Amino acid sequence: MKMAPSKSLIYYLFILVIVFPALISASDYTNLVFKGCADRNFPDSNGGYQETLKTLLNTLTSQSSAAKFSKTTSGDGASAINGLFQCRGDLSGDDCNKCVKRAAFMAHLLCRQAMAVRVHLTGCYLRYEIAGFRQTSGSEFLYKVCGSTRASGSGFGDRLSTALGEVVKGVGSGGNGGFYAGGYQSVYVLGQCEGDLGNGDCVDCVKTAVDRAQSDCASSISAQIYLQQCYISYTYYPNGVPRNQKTVSSSGDGKGTQKTVAIVLGGVVGVGLLMACLLFTKSVFKKKTQHTFKYGG
């Protein structure tokens, strides 16, 4: 007697056939950095919240073609869901839209029915929460990546301090939407604040992230620090910052972090592709992932 395939098997096959190729072909700006899913799910017995969430995500996605930041609410009263997206300041409108679409898809894939979600990709982030969900400080620490390689020789600390100081000045200079990216003596730095954060609060948030980078990542040649309403990153290039450098590499490891592995499809077919798919599925569906922080706990 033939047995019908289980729903979980069908779901995994869907991920392998549809999701995996799409992720491989995606540009670097849509790589997952981390996710946060609330422990509690929507109190949904009739699907109302899911329809509200669908409307919210469709609205945010449509707005991402014309803006780098937008905040909106879908639904009314206690059933309302608040959401926003933020794209990196150097992304085009088309790339911002693609990034937000991917973030919305990943939010559903990774967090399912969670009543508060944050998905941060290399080029954008998306977050939403049910009305009345616990609010946190804009400078609350969320996630970090400290590169495993340490700088050798003297002078790195001074160069890094000056470069990070440029980020603080850059986001506070006005006219750039709280975004700054640039190089100083072989150190490439990037920083950004949430779109509606005031200039003074933006500077304070970035200063907090800078302090965290210097205390937690010490002499690492690369680091990324993510707070609730701002983030910074830096990478040291001993031979000088590449001219075409637009973003800091998301690779690196540290306590509670995991390296991002780029999978390049050349002549890899058959068994190789199958093994890669299985490894991806295992990493996505692990109950505890190193790309996660506790949201609203």
Protein backbone atom coordinates (compact mmCIF):
# COMPACT_ATOMS: atom_id res chain seq x y z
CA MET A 1 0.00 0.00 0.00
CA LYS A 2 1.39 3.38 -0.98
CA MET A 3 1.62 6.00 1.71
CA ALA A 4 0.74 9.61 0.97
CA PRO A 5 3.58 12.07 1.62
CA SER A 6 3.30 13.97 4.89
CA LYS A 7 2.48 17.68 4.94
CA SER A 8 5.89 18.42 6.45
CA LEU A 9 7.63 16.55 3.63
CA ILE A 10 5.65 18.47 1.02
CA TYR A 11 6.53 21.74 2.77
CA TYR A 12 10.24 20.86 2.81
CA LEU A 13 10.13 19.94 -0.88
CA PHE A 14 8.51 23.32 -1.59
CA ILE A 15 11.39 25.04 0.19
CA LEU A 16 13.97 23.02 -1.76
CA VAL A 17 12.42 23.58 -5.16
CA ILE A 18 11.14 27.16 -4.86
CA VAL A 19 12.96 28.97 -2.06
CA PHE A 20 16.50 27.63 -2.32
CA PRO A 21 17.15 28.59 -5.97
CA ALA A 22 15.72 32.04 -5.31
CA LEU A 23 18.04 32.58 -2.36
CA ILE A 24 21.07 31.45 -4.31
CA SER A 25 20.34 33.88 -7.14
CA ALA A 26 19.67 36.80 -4.80
CA SER A 27 22.15 39.64 -4.59
CA ASP A 28 24.23 40.20 -1.47
CA TYR A 29 21.90 42.90 -0.19
CA THR A 30 19.18 40.28 0.43
CA ASN A 31 21.30 37.96 2.57
CA LEU A 32 19.82 37.25 5.98
CA VAL A 33 21.76 38.81 8.86
CA PHE A 34 19.45 37.92 11.75
CA LYS A 35 15.81 37.49 12.69
CA GLY A 36 13.75 38.04 15.81
CA CYS A 37 10.42 36.31 16.42
CA ALA A 38 8.23 36.92 19.46
CA ASP A 39 7.50 33.90 21.63
CA ARG A 40 3.76 34.54 21.40
CA ASN A 41 1.58 34.14 18.31
CA PHE A 42 -1.34 36.20 17.06
CA PRO A 43 -4.52 35.45 19.03
CA ASP A 44 -6.12 34.48 15.75
CA SER A 45 -9.11 32.15 15.59
CA ASN A 46 -10.71 33.39 12.38
CA GLY A 47 -7.79 34.54 10.24
CA GLY A 48 -8.44 38.25 10.80
CA TYR A 49 -4.92 39.05 11.94
CA GLN A 50 -3.41 37.27 8.97
CA GLU A 51 -5.48 39.35 6.56
CA THR A 52 -4.44 42.51 8.42
CA LEU A 53 -0.79 41.46 8.26
CA LYS A 54 -1.07 40.68 4.56
CA THR A 55 -2.47 44.17 3.93
CA LEU A 56 0.32 45.73 6.01
CA LEU A 57 3.10 43.90 4.17
CA ASN A 58 1.61 44.67 0.77
CA THR A 59 1.46 48.36 1.68
CA LEU A 60 5.06 48.46 2.91
CA THR A 61 6.30 46.56 -0.14
CA SER A 62 4.56 48.93 -2.54
CA GLN A 63 6.00 51.96 -0.72
CA SER A 64 9.56 50.61 -0.91
CA SER A 65 9.90 51.48 -4.60
CA ALA A 66 9.69 55.19 -3.86
CA ALA A 67 11.10 55.53 -0.32
CA LYS A 68 13.95 54.17 1.78
CA PHE A 69 11.84 54.25 4.94
CA SER A 70 8.16 54.01 5.72
CA LYS A 71 6.02 53.28 8.76
CA THR A 72 2.35 52.36 8.63
CA THR A 73 -0.51 50.70 10.51
CA SER A 74 -3.05 48.22 9.25
CA GLY A 75 -6.28 47.43 11.07
CA ASP A 76 -8.02 49.20 13.94
CA GLY A 77 -7.88 49.25 17.71
CA ALA A 78 -6.50 46.23 19.51
CA SER A 79 -6.42 44.30 16.22
CA ALA A 80 -4.08 46.80 14.52
CA ILE A 81 -0.57 45.81 13.41
CA ASN A 82 2.20 48.42 13.19
CA GLY A 83 5.05 47.96 10.76
CA LEU A 84 7.97 49.63 9.03
CA PHE A 85 10.86 49.03 6.67
CA GLN A 86 14.23 50.69 6.34
CA CYS A 87 16.50 50.32 3.30
CA ARG A 88 20.18 51.15 3.31
CA GLY A 89 20.81 54.65 2.05
CA ASP A 90 22.81 53.60 -1.02
CA LEU A 91 20.21 51.21 -2.47
CA SER A 92 18.24 52.15 -5.57
CA GLY A 93 14.46 52.17 -5.48
CA ASP A 94 14.32 48.89 -7.38
CA ASP A 95 16.83 47.21 -5.08
CA CYS A 96 15.03 48.54 -2.01
CA ASN A 97 11.77 47.07 -3.29
CA LYS A 98 13.41 43.69 -3.95
CA CYS A 99 14.98 43.70 -0.50
CA VAL A 100 11.73 44.52 1.30
CA LYS A 101 9.88 41.86 -0.68
CA ARG A 102 12.47 39.29 0.40
CA ALA A 103 12.29 40.46 4.01
CA ALA A 104 8.50 40.10 4.01
CA PHE A 105 8.77 36.61 2.57
CA MET A 106 11.44 35.62 5.10
CA ALA A 107 9.33 37.00 7.95
CA HIS A 108 6.54 34.59 7.10
CA LEU A 109 8.90 31.70 6.40
CA LEU A 110 10.95 32.04 9.58
CA CYS A 111 8.50 33.45 12.14
CA ARG A 112 5.14 32.11 10.95
CA GLN A 113 2.39 33.39 13.32
CA ALA A 114 4.58 35.42 15.72
CA MET A 115 2.88 38.64 16.85
CA ALA A 116 6.12 40.64 16.61
CA VAL A 117 8.85 40.08 14.01
CA ARG A 118 12.08 41.69 12.88
CA VAL A 119 14.00 40.44 9.83
CA HIS A 120 17.27 42.15 9.02
CA LEU A 121 18.88 41.58 5.63
CA THR A 122 22.16 43.08 4.47
CA GLY A 123 20.40 45.89 2.61
CA CYS A 124 17.20 46.44 4.57
CA TYR A 125 15.14 45.42 7.54
CA LEU A 126 11.46 44.93 8.18
CA ARG A 127 9.65 44.80 11.49
CA TYR A 128 6.08 44.67 12.68
CA GLU A 129 4.20 44.06 15.91
CA ILE A 130 0.65 43.82 17.14
CA ALA A 131 -0.79 46.94 18.77
CA GLY A 132 0.18 47.18 22.43
CA PHE A 133 3.27 45.02 22.06
CA ARG A 134 6.06 45.93 24.48
CA GLN A 135 8.11 48.86 23.20
CA THR A 136 11.85 49.03 23.77
CA SER A 137 14.49 51.71 23.87
CA GLY A 138 15.85 52.81 20.52
CA SER A 139 19.37 51.99 21.71
CA GLU A 140 18.52 48.48 22.96
CA PHE A 141 21.16 46.00 21.80
CA LEU A 142 19.89 43.33 19.40
CA TYR A 143 22.71 41.52 17.64
CA LYS A 144 26.42 41.63 16.85
CA VAL A 145 28.98 40.03 14.59
CA CYS A 146 32.64 40.31 15.58
CA GLY A 147 35.13 39.14 12.97
CA SER A 148 37.38 36.29 14.09
CA THR A 149 40.50 37.81 12.48
CA ARG A 150 42.44 40.19 14.71
CA ALA A 151 44.44 43.18 13.55
CA SER A 152 48.20 42.90 13.88
CA GLY A 153 50.65 45.72 14.39
CA SER A 154 50.21 49.09 16.03
CA GLY A 155 47.99 51.94 14.99
CA PHE A 156 44.83 49.96 14.16
CA GLY A 157 42.97 51.12 17.25
CA ASP A 158 43.59 54.80 16.48
CA ARG A 159 42.53 54.43 12.84
CA LEU A 160 39.39 52.56 13.85
CA SER A 161 38.45 55.14 16.48
CA THR A 162 38.81 57.96 13.95
CA ALA A 163 36.84 56.05 11.31
CA LEU A 164 34.01 55.32 13.74
CA GLY A 165 34.03 58.96 14.73
CA GLU A 166 33.36 59.78 11.09
CA VAL A 167 30.23 57.63 11.24
CA VAL A 168 28.94 59.61 14.22
CA LYS A 169 29.59 62.90 12.44
CA GLY A 170 28.21 61.59 9.16
CA VAL A 171 24.81 60.45 10.43
CA GLY A 172 24.45 63.69 12.33
CA SER A 173 25.35 66.02 9.47
CA GLY A 174 21.80 66.23 8.15
CA GLY A 175 20.59 65.87 4.58
CA ASN A 176 21.58 62.22 4.30
CA GLY A 177 18.64 60.56 6.03
CA GLY A 178 20.74 59.33 8.93
CA PHE A 179 22.97 57.25 6.62
CA TYR A 180 26.74 57.41 6.22
CA ALA A 181 29.28 55.22 4.43
CA GLY A 182 32.92 55.97 3.74
CA GLY A 183 36.54 54.98 4.20
CA TYR A 184 39.32 56.30 6.43
CA GLN A 185 42.88 54.93 6.21
CA SER A 186 41.90 51.43 5.08
CA VAL A 187 38.85 51.22 7.38
CA TYR A 188 35.46 51.22 5.65
CA VAL A 189 32.58 52.22 7.91
CA LEU A 190 28.83 52.36 7.54
CA GLY A 191 26.06 53.55 9.83
CA GLN A 192 22.35 54.21 9.62
CA CYS A 193 19.46 55.25 11.85
CA GLU A 194 15.79 54.49 11.53
CA GLY A 195 14.12 56.99 9.21
CA ASP A 196 12.04 58.93 11.73
CA LEU A 197 14.70 59.15 14.44
CA GLY A 198 15.58 62.73 15.33
CA ASN A 199 19.08 63.99 14.59
CA GLY A 200 20.20 64.12 18.23
CA ASP A 201 18.72 60.70 19.04
CA CYS A 202 20.36 59.27 15.92
CA VAL A 203 23.78 60.51 17.00
CA ASP A 204 23.27 59.14 20.52
CA CYS A 205 22.20 55.76 19.16
CA VAL A 206 25.20 55.49 16.84
CA LYS A 207 27.54 56.52 19.66
CA THR A 208 26.13 53.66 21.74
CA ALA A 209 26.73 51.25 18.85
CA VAL A 210 30.30 52.55 18.43
CA ASP A 211 31.01 52.04 22.13
CA ARG A 212 29.64 48.52 21.89
CA ALA A 213 31.80 47.72 18.87
CA GLN A 214 34.95 48.94 20.60
CA SER A 215 34.21 47.10 23.84
CA ASP A 216 32.85 43.83 22.47
CA CYS A 217 34.84 43.38 19.27
CA ALA A 218 38.15 44.85 20.49
CA SER A 219 40.80 44.32 17.79
CA SER A 220 38.58 42.46 15.30
CA ILE A 221 39.17 43.70 11.76
CA SER A 222 35.41 43.69 11.12
CA ALA A 223 32.26 44.10 13.17
CA GLN A 224 28.55 44.74 12.92
CA ILE A 225 26.48 46.10 15.79
CA TYR A 226 22.69 46.26 15.59
CA LEU A 227 20.57 48.26 18.01
CA GLN A 228 16.81 48.74 17.90
CA GLN A 229 16.91 51.95 15.85
CA CYS A 230 20.42 52.11 14.39
CA TYR A 231 23.35 49.96 13.32
CA ILE A 232 26.99 50.33 12.36
CA SER A 233 29.59 48.17 10.70
CA TYR A 234 33.25 48.40 9.79
CA THR A 235 35.84 46.41 7.87
CA TYR A 236 39.60 46.93 7.82
CA TYR A 237 41.35 46.40 4.47
CA PRO A 238 45.15 46.22 4.94
CA ASN A 239 45.69 47.01 1.25
CA GLY A 240 43.23 49.88 1.18
CA VAL A 241 39.45 50.13 0.80
CA PRO A 242 38.37 48.83 -2.64
CA ARG A 243 37.15 51.59 -4.94
CA ASN A 244 33.92 49.76 -5.70
CA GLN A 245 33.19 49.09 -2.03
CA LYS A 246 29.52 49.80 -1.28
CA THR A 247 28.84 47.71 1.78
CA VAL A 248 30.70 45.94 4.52
CA SER A 249 31.00 42.19 4.18
CA SER A 250 28.57 40.30 6.39
CA SER A 251 31.06 37.52 7.01
CA GLY A 252 32.78 37.05 10.31
CA ASP A 253 32.07 35.20 13.48
CA GLY A 254 31.96 35.79 17.18
CA LYS A 255 30.14 34.69 20.28
CA GLY A 256 26.58 33.82 19.33
CA THR A 257 27.16 34.40 15.63
CA GLN A 258 27.64 32.32 12.53
CA LYS A 259 29.55 32.83 9.30
CA THR A 260 27.59 33.55 6.16
CA VAL A 261 28.60 31.04 3.51
CA ALA A 262 28.27 32.03 -0.14
CA ILE A 263 27.19 29.14 -2.36
CA VAL A 264 28.30 29.50 -5.95
CA LEU A 265 26.62 27.35 -8.56
CA GLY A 266 28.99 26.52 -11.36
CA GLY A 267 29.01 22.95 -12.53
CA VAL A 268 27.38 21.78 -9.31
CA VAL A 269 24.47 19.52 -10.18
CA GLY A 270 22.87 16.31 -9.04
CA VAL A 271 24.14 15.12 -5.69
CA GLY A 272 25.94 18.36 -4.95
CA LEU A 273 22.78 20.45 -5.33
CA LEU A 274 20.76 17.96 -3.31
CA MET A 275 23.26 18.06 -0.45
CA ALA A 276 23.29 21.85 -0.50
CA CYS A 277 19.49 21.93 -0.40
CA LEU A 278 19.38 19.53 2.53
CA LEU A 279 21.93 21.55 4.46
CA PHE A 280 19.98 24.74 3.81
CA THR A 281 16.72 23.17 4.94
CA LYS A 282 18.37 21.91 8.11
CA SER A 283 19.73 25.38 8.89
CA VAL A 284 16.39 27.11 8.24
CA PHE A 285 14.30 24.77 10.35
CA LYS A 286 16.57 24.40 13.37
CA LYS A 287 14.61 25.36 16.46
CA LYS A 288 17.53 27.38 17.77
CA THR A 289 19.45 29.37 15.21
CA GLN A 290 22.53 31.47 15.75
CA HIS A 291 20.96 34.16 13.56
CA THR A 292 18.26 34.86 16.13
CA PHE A 293 17.70 37.27 18.98
CA LYS A 294 14.80 37.12 21.44
CA TYR A 295 12.15 39.62 20.41
CA GLY A 296 10.15 41.14 23.22
CA GLY A 297 11.20 38.60 25.78
